[in-house]
Amino acid sequence: MDAVWGAVTRLFGEFGASLASLALIDYDCERRSAILRANLEAVDNVRTALATITMLVGKEAAVHVLAVSGTIKALREKLKA
Protein backbone atom coordinates (compact mmCIF):
# COMPACT_ATOMS: atom_id res chain seq x y z
CA MET A 1 0.00 0.00 0.00
CA ASP A 2 2.99 2.28 0.56
CA ALA A 3 3.82 2.10 -3.15
CA VAL A 4 0.28 3.12 -4.08
CA TRP A 5 0.23 6.06 -1.65
CA GLY A 6 3.69 7.08 -2.84
CA ALA A 7 2.66 7.03 -6.50
CA VAL A 8 -0.52 9.05 -5.87
CA THR A 9 1.35 11.55 -3.71
CA ARG A 10 4.15 12.00 -6.28
CA LEU A 11 1.67 12.72 -9.08
CA PHE A 12 -1.05 14.67 -7.27
CA GLY A 13 0.53 15.89 -4.04
CA GLU A 14 -0.67 15.31 -0.51
CA PHE A 15 -3.92 17.18 -1.08
CA GLY A 16 -4.73 15.08 -4.17
CA ALA A 17 -3.86 11.90 -2.31
CA SER A 18 -6.14 12.86 0.56
CA LEU A 19 -9.04 13.37 -1.87
CA ALA A 20 -8.61 9.80 -3.13
CA SER A 21 -9.59 8.28 0.26
CA LEU A 22 -7.63 5.13 -0.59
CA ALA A 23 -8.15 1.97 1.46
CA LEU A 24 -6.90 -1.59 1.05
CA ILE A 25 -9.93 -3.88 1.22
CA ASP A 26 -8.39 -7.26 0.40
CA TYR A 27 -5.07 -8.77 -0.69
CA ASP A 28 -4.61 -12.29 -2.10
CA CYS A 29 -0.98 -13.44 -1.84
CA GLU A 30 -1.48 -16.43 -4.14
CA ARG A 31 -3.02 -14.43 -6.99
CA ARG A 32 -0.93 -11.36 -6.13
CA SER A 33 -3.99 -9.17 -6.44
CA ALA A 34 -5.54 -6.51 -4.28
CA ILE A 35 -8.87 -4.75 -3.97
CA LEU A 36 -8.56 -1.04 -3.31
CA ARG A 37 -11.32 1.38 -2.46
CA ALA A 38 -11.10 4.94 -3.78
CA ASN A 39 -13.34 7.95 -3.97
CA LEU A 40 -15.36 7.96 -7.21
CA GLU A 41 -13.99 11.34 -8.29
CA ALA A 42 -10.40 10.10 -7.82
CA VAL A 43 -10.62 6.78 -9.70
CA ASP A 44 -8.94 8.12 -12.84
CA ASN A 45 -6.16 9.70 -10.79
CA VAL A 46 -5.56 6.47 -8.87
CA ARG A 47 -5.48 4.42 -12.08
CA THR A 48 -2.95 6.85 -13.53
CA ALA A 49 -0.79 6.65 -10.40
CA LEU A 50 -0.93 2.82 -10.39
CA ALA A 51 0.43 2.80 -13.94
CA THR A 52 3.54 4.69 -12.77
CA ILE A 53 4.57 2.05 -10.21
CA THR A 54 7.69 0.26 -11.46
CA MET A 55 9.22 -1.10 -8.23
CA LEU A 56 7.69 -3.03 -5.33
CA VAL A 57 9.86 -4.08 -2.38
CA GLY A 58 13.01 -3.48 -4.40
CA LYS A 59 11.94 -5.60 -7.38
CA GLU A 60 10.72 -4.51 -10.79
CA ALA A 61 6.95 -4.64 -11.03
CA ALA A 62 3.98 -3.53 -13.08
CA VAL A 63 0.54 -2.86 -11.66
CA HIS A 64 -2.54 -3.58 -13.79
CA VAL A 65 -6.15 -2.68 -13.10
CA LEU A 66 -8.30 -5.76 -13.70
CA ALA A 67 -11.71 -4.24 -13.01
CA VAL A 68 -13.48 -1.22 -11.58
CA SER A 69 -16.90 -1.35 -9.97
CA GLY A 70 -19.26 0.76 -7.93
CA THR A 71 -19.49 -1.77 -5.10
CA ILE A 72 -17.17 -4.34 -3.58
CA LYS A 73 -19.80 -7.06 -4.04
CA ALA A 74 -20.14 -6.35 -7.77
CA LEU A 75 -16.36 -6.22 -8.13
CA ARG A 76 -15.95 -9.66 -6.57
CA GLU A 77 -18.55 -10.99 -9.02
CA LYS A 78 -16.68 -9.45 -11.97
CA LEU A 79 -13.42 -11.01 -10.84
CA LYS A 80 -14.97 -14.49 -10.50
CA ALA A 81 -16.01 -14.55 -14.17
PDB file of N, CA and C in Angstrom:
ATOM      1  N   MET A   1       0.828  -1.196   0.000  1.00  0.00           N
ATOM      2  CA  MET A   1       0.000   0.000   0.000  1.00  0.00           C
ATOM      3  C   MET A   1       0.868   1.253   0.000  1.00  0.00           C
ATOM      4  N   ASP A   2       2.076   1.137   0.554  1.00  0.00           N
ATOM      5  CA  ASP A   2       2.987   2.282   0.561  1.00  0.00           C
ATOM      6  C   ASP A   2       3.325   2.728  -0.864  1.00  0.00           C
ATOM      7  N   ALA A   3       3.498   1.766  -1.763  1.00  0.00           N
ATOM      8  CA  ALA A   3       3.824   2.101  -3.154  1.00  0.00           C
ATOM      9  C   ALA A   3       2.664   2.847  -3.806  1.00  0.00           C
ATOM     10  N   VAL A   4       1.450   2.463  -3.501  1.00  0.00           N
ATOM     11  CA  VAL A   4       0.275   3.124  -4.076  1.00  0.00           C
ATOM     12  C   VAL A   4       0.176   4.550  -3.553  1.00  0.00           C
ATOM     13  N   TRP A   5       0.284   4.711  -2.230  1.00  0.00           N
ATOM     14  CA  TRP A   5       0.231   6.059  -1.651  1.00  0.00           C
ATOM     15  C   TRP A   5       1.352   6.917  -2.194  1.00  0.00           C
ATOM     16  N   GLY A   6       2.547   6.338  -2.317  1.00  0.00           N
ATOM     17  CA  GLY A   6       3.688   7.082  -2.839  1.00  0.00           C
ATOM     18  C   GLY A   6       3.463   7.553  -4.259  1.00  0.00           C
ATOM     19  N   ALA A   7       2.913   6.680  -5.103  1.00  0.00           N
ATOM     20  CA  ALA A   7       2.655   7.035  -6.496  1.00  0.00           C
ATOM     21  C   ALA A   7       1.601   8.138  -6.598  1.00  0.00           C
ATOM     22  N   VAL A   8       0.538   8.030  -5.832  1.00  0.00           N
ATOM     23  CA  VAL A   8      -0.521   9.051  -5.867  1.00  0.00           C
ATOM     24  C   VAL A   8       0.018  10.378  -5.352  1.00  0.00           C
ATOM     25  N   THR A   9       0.795  10.325  -4.292  1.00  0.00           N
ATOM     26  CA  THR A   9       1.353  11.551  -3.715  1.00  0.00           C
ATOM     27  C   THR A   9       2.343  12.217  -4.674  1.00  0.00           C
ATOM     28  N   ARG A  10       3.188  11.425  -5.335  1.00  0.00           N
ATOM     29  CA  ARG A  10       4.146  11.997  -6.284  1.00  0.00           C
ATOM     30  C   ARG A  10       3.435  12.717  -7.433  1.00  0.00           C
ATOM     31  N   LEU A  11       2.360  12.123  -7.934  1.00  0.00           N
ATOM     32  CA  LEU A  11       1.668  12.722  -9.079  1.00  0.00           C
ATOM     33  C   LEU A  11       0.729  13.868  -8.708  1.00  0.00           C
ATOM     34  N   PHE A  12       0.023  13.722  -7.580  1.00  0.00           N
ATOM     35  CA  PHE A  12      -1.052  14.670  -7.275  1.00  0.00           C
ATOM     36  C   PHE A  12      -0.872  15.423  -5.965  1.00  0.00           C
ATOM     37  N   GLY A  13       0.254  15.194  -5.290  1.00  0.00           N
ATOM     38  CA  GLY A  13       0.529  15.887  -4.036  1.00  0.00           C
ATOM     39  C   GLY A  13      -0.272  15.309  -2.882  1.00  0.00           C
ATOM     40  N   GLU A  14       0.012  15.809  -1.705  1.00  0.00           N
ATOM     41  CA  GLU A  14      -0.670  15.311  -0.507  1.00  0.00           C
ATOM     42  C   GLU A  14      -2.159  15.630  -0.527  1.00  0.00           C
ATOM     43  N   PHE A  15      -2.504  16.800  -1.023  1.00  0.00           N
ATOM     44  CA  PHE A  15      -3.916  17.176  -1.084  1.00  0.00           C
ATOM     45  C   PHE A  15      -4.667  16.245  -2.041  1.00  0.00           C
ATOM     46  N   GLY A  16      -4.104  15.992  -3.209  1.00  0.00           N
ATOM     47  CA  GLY A  16      -4.730  15.082  -4.169  1.00  0.00           C
ATOM     48  C   GLY A  16      -4.845  13.672  -3.624  1.00  0.00           C
ATOM     49  N   ALA A  17      -3.822  13.231  -2.902  1.00  0.00           N
ATOM     50  CA  ALA A  17      -3.864  11.896  -2.306  1.00  0.00           C
ATOM     51  C   ALA A  17      -4.950  11.809  -1.232  1.00  0.00           C
ATOM     52  N   SER A  18      -5.116  12.882  -0.481  1.00  0.00           N
ATOM     53  CA  SER A  18      -6.144  12.856   0.562  1.00  0.00           C
ATOM     54  C   SER A  18      -7.544  12.812  -0.038  1.00  0.00           C
ATOM     55  N   LEU A  19      -7.728  13.398  -1.211  1.00  0.00           N
ATOM     56  CA  LEU A  19      -9.036  13.372  -1.873  1.00  0.00           C
ATOM     57  C   LEU A  19      -9.393  11.973  -2.377  1.00  0.00           C
ATOM     58  N   ALA A  20      -8.377  11.140  -2.599  1.00  0.00           N
ATOM     59  CA  ALA A  20      -8.611   9.796  -3.127  1.00  0.00           C
ATOM     60  C   ALA A  20      -9.259   8.875  -2.097  1.00  0.00           C
ATOM     61  N   SER A  21      -9.050   9.133  -0.815  1.00  0.00           N
ATOM     62  CA  SER A  21      -9.589   8.283   0.260  1.00  0.00           C
ATOM     63  C   SER A  21      -9.277   6.805   0.006  1.00  0.00           C
ATOM     64  N   LEU A  22      -8.038   6.498  -0.277  1.00  0.00           N
ATOM     65  CA  LEU A  22      -7.634   5.128  -0.589  1.00  0.00           C
ATOM     66  C   LEU A  22      -7.704   4.223   0.629  1.00  0.00           C
ATOM     67  N   ALA A  23      -8.128   2.984   0.399  1.00  0.00           N
ATOM     68  CA  ALA A  23      -8.147   1.975   1.458  1.00  0.00           C
ATOM     69  C   ALA A  23      -7.929   0.606   0.830  1.00  0.00           C
ATOM     70  N   LEU A  24      -7.124  -0.216   1.488  1.00  0.00           N
ATOM     71  CA  LEU A  24      -6.905  -1.594   1.054  1.00  0.00           C
ATOM     72  C   LEU A  24      -8.024  -2.440   1.641  1.00  0.00           C
ATOM     73  N   ILE A  25      -8.814  -3.063   0.777  1.00  0.00           N
ATOM     74  CA  ILE A  25      -9.934  -3.882   1.216  1.00  0.00           C
ATOM     75  C   ILE A  25      -9.521  -5.337   1.356  1.00  0.00           C
ATOM     76  N   ASP A  26      -8.768  -5.851   0.392  1.00  0.00           N
ATOM     77  CA  ASP A  26      -8.387  -7.261   0.398  1.00  0.00           C
ATOM     78  C   ASP A  26      -7.095  -7.444  -0.379  1.00  0.00           C
ATOM     79  N   TYR A  27      -6.280  -8.418   0.045  1.00  0.00           N
ATOM     80  CA  TYR A  27      -5.072  -8.769  -0.692  1.00  0.00           C
ATOM     81  C   TYR A  27      -4.949 -10.283  -0.721  1.00  0.00           C
ATOM     82  N   ASP A  28      -4.760 -10.840  -1.912  1.00  0.00           N
ATOM     83  CA  ASP A  28      -4.609 -12.286  -2.098  1.00  0.00           C
ATOM     84  C   ASP A  28      -3.166 -12.565  -2.495  1.00  0.00           C
ATOM     85  N   CYS A  29      -2.408 -13.169  -1.588  1.00  0.00           N
ATOM     86  CA  CYS A  29      -0.980 -13.438  -1.840  1.00  0.00           C
ATOM     87  C   CYS A  29      -0.787 -14.410  -2.999  1.00  0.00           C
ATOM     88  N   GLU A  30      -1.630 -15.423  -3.089  1.00  0.00           N
ATOM     89  CA  GLU A  30      -1.481 -16.430  -4.140  1.00  0.00           C
ATOM     90  C   GLU A  30      -1.682 -15.826  -5.527  1.00  0.00           C
ATOM     91  N   ARG A  31      -2.720 -15.040  -5.685  1.00  0.00           N
ATOM     92  CA  ARG A  31      -3.016 -14.430  -6.988  1.00  0.00           C
ATOM     93  C   ARG A  31      -2.263 -13.122  -7.187  1.00  0.00           C
ATOM     94  N   ARG A  32      -1.626 -12.644  -6.130  1.00  0.00           N
ATOM     95  CA  ARG A  32      -0.926 -11.358  -6.134  1.00  0.00           C
ATOM     96  C   ARG A  32      -1.841 -10.259  -6.657  1.00  0.00           C
ATOM     97  N   SER A  33      -3.021 -10.191  -6.052  1.00  0.00           N
ATOM     98  CA  SER A  33      -3.994  -9.174  -6.443  1.00  0.00           C
ATOM     99  C   SER A  33      -4.566  -8.500  -5.201  1.00  0.00           C
ATOM    100  N   ALA A  34      -4.993  -7.281  -5.382  1.00  0.00           N
ATOM    101  CA  ALA A  34      -5.545  -6.505  -4.276  1.00  0.00           C
ATOM    102  C   ALA A  34      -6.830  -5.822  -4.717  1.00  0.00           C
ATOM    103  N   ILE A  35      -7.669  -5.560  -3.750  1.00  0.00           N
ATOM    104  CA  ILE A  35      -8.869  -4.753  -3.975  1.00  0.00           C
ATOM    105  C   ILE A  35      -8.669  -3.464  -3.196  1.00  0.00           C
ATOM    106  N   LEU A  36      -8.707  -2.356  -3.918  1.00  0.00           N
ATOM    107  CA  LEU A  36      -8.561  -1.035  -3.312  1.00  0.00           C
ATOM    108  C   LEU A  36      -9.873  -0.284  -3.420  1.00  0.00           C
ATOM    109  N   ARG A  37     -10.163   0.498  -2.406  1.00  0.00           N
ATOM    110  CA  ARG A  37     -11.323   1.378  -2.458  1.00  0.00           C
ATOM    111  C   ARG A  37     -10.811   2.797  -2.650  1.00  0.00           C
ATOM    112  N   ALA A  38     -11.469   3.542  -3.533  1.00  0.00           N
ATOM    113  CA  ALA A  38     -11.096   4.939  -3.777  1.00  0.00           C
ATOM    114  C   ALA A  38     -12.360   5.754  -3.995  1.00  0.00           C
ATOM    115  N   ASN A  39     -12.254   7.018  -3.731  1.00  0.00           N
ATOM    116  CA  ASN A  39     -13.343   7.949  -3.967  1.00  0.00           C
ATOM    117  C   ASN A  39     -13.665   7.960  -5.463  1.00  0.00           C
ATOM    118  N   LEU A  40     -14.928   8.011  -5.813  1.00  0.00           N
ATOM    119  CA  LEU A  40     -15.355   7.961  -7.211  1.00  0.00           C
ATOM    120  C   LEU A  40     -14.690   9.042  -8.062  1.00  0.00           C
ATOM    121  N   GLU A  41     -14.584  10.247  -7.534  1.00  0.00           N
ATOM    122  CA  GLU A  41     -13.989  11.340  -8.292  1.00  0.00           C
ATOM    123  C   GLU A  41     -12.495  11.147  -8.521  1.00  0.00           C
ATOM    124  N   ALA A  42     -11.852  10.277  -7.738  1.00  0.00           N
ATOM    125  CA  ALA A  42     -10.405  10.097  -7.823  1.00  0.00           C
ATOM    126  C   ALA A  42     -10.002   8.817  -8.555  1.00  0.00           C
ATOM    127  N   VAL A  43     -10.943   8.062  -9.071  1.00  0.00           N
ATOM    128  CA  VAL A  43     -10.622   6.776  -9.703  1.00  0.00           C
ATOM    129  C   VAL A  43      -9.636   6.947 -10.854  1.00  0.00           C
ATOM    130  N   ASP A  44      -9.857   7.910 -11.714  1.00  0.00           N
ATOM    131  CA  ASP A  44      -8.941   8.116 -12.844  1.00  0.00           C
ATOM    132  C   ASP A  44      -7.538   8.494 -12.368  1.00  0.00           C
ATOM    133  N   ASN A  45      -7.465   9.328 -11.333  1.00  0.00           N
ATOM    134  CA  ASN A  45      -6.158   9.703 -10.787  1.00  0.00           C
ATOM    135  C   ASN A  45      -5.439   8.492 -10.187  1.00  0.00           C
ATOM    136  N   VAL A  46      -6.165   7.656  -9.479  1.00  0.00           N
ATOM    137  CA  VAL A  46      -5.565   6.468  -8.868  1.00  0.00           C
ATOM    138  C   VAL A  46      -5.094   5.504  -9.954  1.00  0.00           C
ATOM    139  N   ARG A  47      -5.891   5.310 -10.975  1.00  0.00           N
ATOM    140  CA  ARG A  47      -5.482   4.423 -12.075  1.00  0.00           C
ATOM    141  C   ARG A  47      -4.217   4.943 -12.746  1.00  0.00           C
ATOM    142  N   THR A  48      -4.137   6.250 -12.937  1.00  0.00           N
ATOM    143  CA  THR A  48      -2.946   6.854 -13.529  1.00  0.00           C
ATOM    144  C   THR A  48      -1.736   6.622 -12.635  1.00  0.00           C
ATOM    145  N   ALA A  49      -1.903   6.834 -11.340  1.00  0.00           N
ATOM    146  CA  ALA A  49      -0.795   6.647 -10.404  1.00  0.00           C
ATOM    147  C   ALA A  49      -0.353   5.184 -10.358  1.00  0.00           C
ATOM    148  N   LEU A  50      -1.282   4.249 -10.408  1.00  0.00           N
ATOM    149  CA  LEU A  50      -0.925   2.821 -10.394  1.00  0.00           C
ATOM    150  C   LEU A  50      -0.061   2.463 -11.598  1.00  0.00           C
ATOM    151  N   ALA A  51      -0.332   3.092 -12.720  1.00  0.00           N
ATOM    152  CA  ALA A  51       0.434   2.804 -13.937  1.00  0.00           C
ATOM    153  C   ALA A  51       1.880   3.266 -13.829  1.00  0.00           C
ATOM    154  N   THR A  52       2.172   4.173 -12.907  1.00  0.00           N
ATOM    155  CA  THR A  52       3.536   4.685 -12.769  1.00  0.00           C
ATOM    156  C   THR A  52       4.394   3.840 -11.833  1.00  0.00           C
ATOM    157  N   ILE A  53       3.811   2.882 -11.147  1.00  0.00           N
ATOM    158  CA  ILE A  53       4.573   2.046 -10.211  1.00  0.00           C
ATOM    159  C   ILE A  53       5.446   1.078 -11.005  1.00  0.00           C
ATOM    160  N   THR A  54       6.755   1.138 -10.754  1.00  0.00           N
ATOM    161  CA  THR A  54       7.695   0.259 -11.459  1.00  0.00           C
ATOM    162  C   THR A  54       8.514  -0.610 -10.515  1.00  0.00           C
ATOM    163  N   MET A  55       8.463  -0.326  -9.214  1.00  0.00           N
ATOM    164  CA  MET A  55       9.218  -1.102  -8.228  1.00  0.00           C
ATOM    165  C   MET A  55       8.334  -1.385  -7.021  1.00  0.00           C
ATOM    166  N   LEU A  56       8.367  -2.636  -6.557  1.00  0.00           N
ATOM    167  CA  LEU A  56       7.695  -3.033  -5.325  1.00  0.00           C
ATOM    168  C   LEU A  56       8.676  -3.843  -4.501  1.00  0.00           C
ATOM    169  N   VAL A  57       8.946  -3.396  -3.302  1.00  0.00           N
ATOM    170  CA  VAL A  57       9.860  -4.081  -2.377  1.00  0.00           C
ATOM    171  C   VAL A  57      11.209  -4.348  -3.050  1.00  0.00           C
ATOM    172  N   GLY A  58      11.703  -3.365  -3.777  1.00  0.00           N
ATOM    173  CA  GLY A  58      13.012  -3.475  -4.396  1.00  0.00           C
ATOM    174  C   GLY A  58      13.090  -4.329  -5.646  1.00  0.00           C
ATOM    175  N   LYS A  59      11.965  -4.785  -6.164  1.00  0.00           N
ATOM    176  CA  LYS A  59      11.938  -5.602  -7.380  1.00  0.00           C
ATOM    177  C   LYS A  59      11.107  -4.898  -8.442  1.00  0.00           C
ATOM    178  N   GLU A  60      11.496  -5.102  -9.704  1.00  0.00           N
ATOM    179  CA  GLU A  60      10.721  -4.512 -10.790  1.00  0.00           C
ATOM    180  C   GLU A  60       9.308  -5.073 -10.780  1.00  0.00           C
ATOM    181  N   ALA A  61       8.345  -4.215 -11.064  1.00  0.00           N
ATOM    182  CA  ALA A  61       6.947  -4.639 -11.031  1.00  0.00           C
ATOM    183  C   ALA A  61       6.118  -3.769 -11.967  1.00  0.00           C
ATOM    184  N   ALA A  62       4.976  -4.289 -12.323  1.00  0.00           N
ATOM    185  CA  ALA A  62       3.983  -3.535 -13.084  1.00  0.00           C
ATOM    186  C   ALA A  62       2.627  -3.787 -12.434  1.00  0.00           C
ATOM    187  N   VAL A  63       1.852  -2.744 -12.283  1.00  0.00           N
ATOM    188  CA  VAL A  63       0.537  -2.856 -11.662  1.00  0.00           C
ATOM    189  C   VAL A  63      -0.516  -2.689 -12.750  1.00  0.00           C
ATOM    190  N   HIS A  64      -1.466  -3.614 -12.790  1.00  0.00           N
ATOM    191  CA  HIS A  64      -2.536  -3.577 -13.792  1.00  0.00           C
ATOM    192  C   HIS A  64      -3.886  -3.535 -13.089  1.00  0.00           C
ATOM    193  N   VAL A  65      -4.789  -2.740 -13.613  1.00  0.00           N
ATOM    194  CA  VAL A  65      -6.155  -2.682 -13.098  1.00  0.00           C
ATOM    195  C   VAL A  65      -6.960  -3.737 -13.840  1.00  0.00           C
ATOM    196  N   LEU A  66      -7.512  -4.683 -13.093  1.00  0.00           N
ATOM    197  CA  LEU A  66      -8.301  -5.755 -13.700  1.00  0.00           C
ATOM    198  C   LEU A  66      -9.759  -5.376 -13.883  1.00  0.00           C
ATOM    199  N   ALA A  67     -10.298  -4.624 -12.933  1.00  0.00           N
ATOM    200  CA  ALA A  67     -11.711  -4.244 -13.007  1.00  0.00           C
ATOM    201  C   ALA A  67     -11.969  -3.065 -12.078  1.00  0.00           C
ATOM    202  N   VAL A  68     -13.016  -2.320 -12.408  1.00  0.00           N
ATOM    203  CA  VAL A  68     -13.484  -1.218 -11.576  1.00  0.00           C
ATOM    204  C   VAL A  68     -14.980  -1.393 -11.419  1.00  0.00           C
ATOM    205  N   SER A  69     -15.481  -1.171 -10.210  1.00  0.00           N
ATOM    206  CA  SER A  69     -16.901  -1.350  -9.975  1.00  0.00           C
ATOM    207  C   SER A  69     -17.379  -0.339  -8.940  1.00  0.00           C
ATOM    208  N   GLY A  70     -18.670  -0.160  -8.894  1.00  0.00           N
ATOM    209  CA  GLY A  70     -19.262   0.758  -7.930  1.00  0.00           C
ATOM    210  C   GLY A  70     -19.362   0.191  -6.532  1.00  0.00           C
ATOM    211  N   THR A  71     -19.409  -1.139  -6.415  1.00  0.00           N
ATOM    212  CA  THR A  71     -19.494  -1.768  -5.099  1.00  0.00           C
ATOM    213  C   THR A  71     -18.495  -2.916  -5.010  1.00  0.00           C
ATOM    214  N   ILE A  72     -18.119  -3.243  -3.792  1.00  0.00           N
ATOM    215  CA  ILE A  72     -17.172  -4.339  -3.578  1.00  0.00           C
ATOM    216  C   ILE A  72     -17.813  -5.663  -3.993  1.00  0.00           C
ATOM    217  N   LYS A  73     -19.093  -5.823  -3.688  1.00  0.00           N
ATOM    218  CA  LYS A  73     -19.798  -7.058  -4.041  1.00  0.00           C
ATOM    219  C   LYS A  73     -19.791  -7.275  -5.558  1.00  0.00           C
ATOM    220  N   ALA A  74     -20.119  -6.242  -6.311  1.00  0.00           N
ATOM    221  CA  ALA A  74     -20.136  -6.353  -7.771  1.00  0.00           C
ATOM    222  C   ALA A  74     -18.729  -6.594  -8.320  1.00  0.00           C
ATOM    223  N   LEU A  75     -17.744  -6.000  -7.693  1.00  0.00           N
ATOM    224  CA  LEU A  75     -16.360  -6.220  -8.133  1.00  0.00           C
ATOM    225  C   LEU A  75     -15.953  -7.665  -7.941  1.00  0.00           C
ATOM    226  N   ARG A  76     -16.269  -8.236  -6.811  1.00  0.00           N
ATOM    227  CA  ARG A  76     -15.947  -9.655  -6.567  1.00  0.00           C
ATOM    228  C   ARG A  76     -16.630 -10.559  -7.596  1.00  0.00           C
ATOM    229  N   GLU A  77     -17.848 -10.219  -7.990  1.00  0.00           N
ATOM    230  CA  GLU A  77     -18.546 -10.993  -9.016  1.00  0.00           C
ATOM    231  C   GLU A  77     -17.846 -10.875 -10.360  1.00  0.00           C
ATOM    232  N   LYS A  78     -17.401  -9.664 -10.712  1.00  0.00           N
ATOM    233  CA  LYS A  78     -16.684  -9.447 -11.966  1.00  0.00           C
ATOM    234  C   LYS A  78     -15.398 -10.264 -12.012  1.00  0.00           C
ATOM    235  N   LEU A  79     -14.701 -10.318 -10.891  1.00  0.00           N
ATOM    236  CA  LEU A  79     -13.419 -11.007 -10.840  1.00  0.00           C
ATOM    237  C   LEU A  79     -13.567 -12.530 -10.861  1.00  0.00           C
ATOM    238  N   LYS A  80     -14.715 -13.033 -10.456  1.00  0.00           N
ATOM    239  CA  LYS A  80     -14.975 -14.487 -10.497  1.00  0.00           C
ATOM    240  C   LYS A  80     -15.114 -14.967 -11.934  1.00  0.00           C
ATOM    241  N   ALA A  81     -15.722 -14.151 -12.790  1.00  0.00           N
ATOM    242  CA  ALA A  81     -16.010 -14.549 -14.173  1.00  0.00           C
ATOM    243  C   ALA A  81     -14.769 -14.666 -15.014  1.00  0.00           C
TER     244      ALA A  81
END
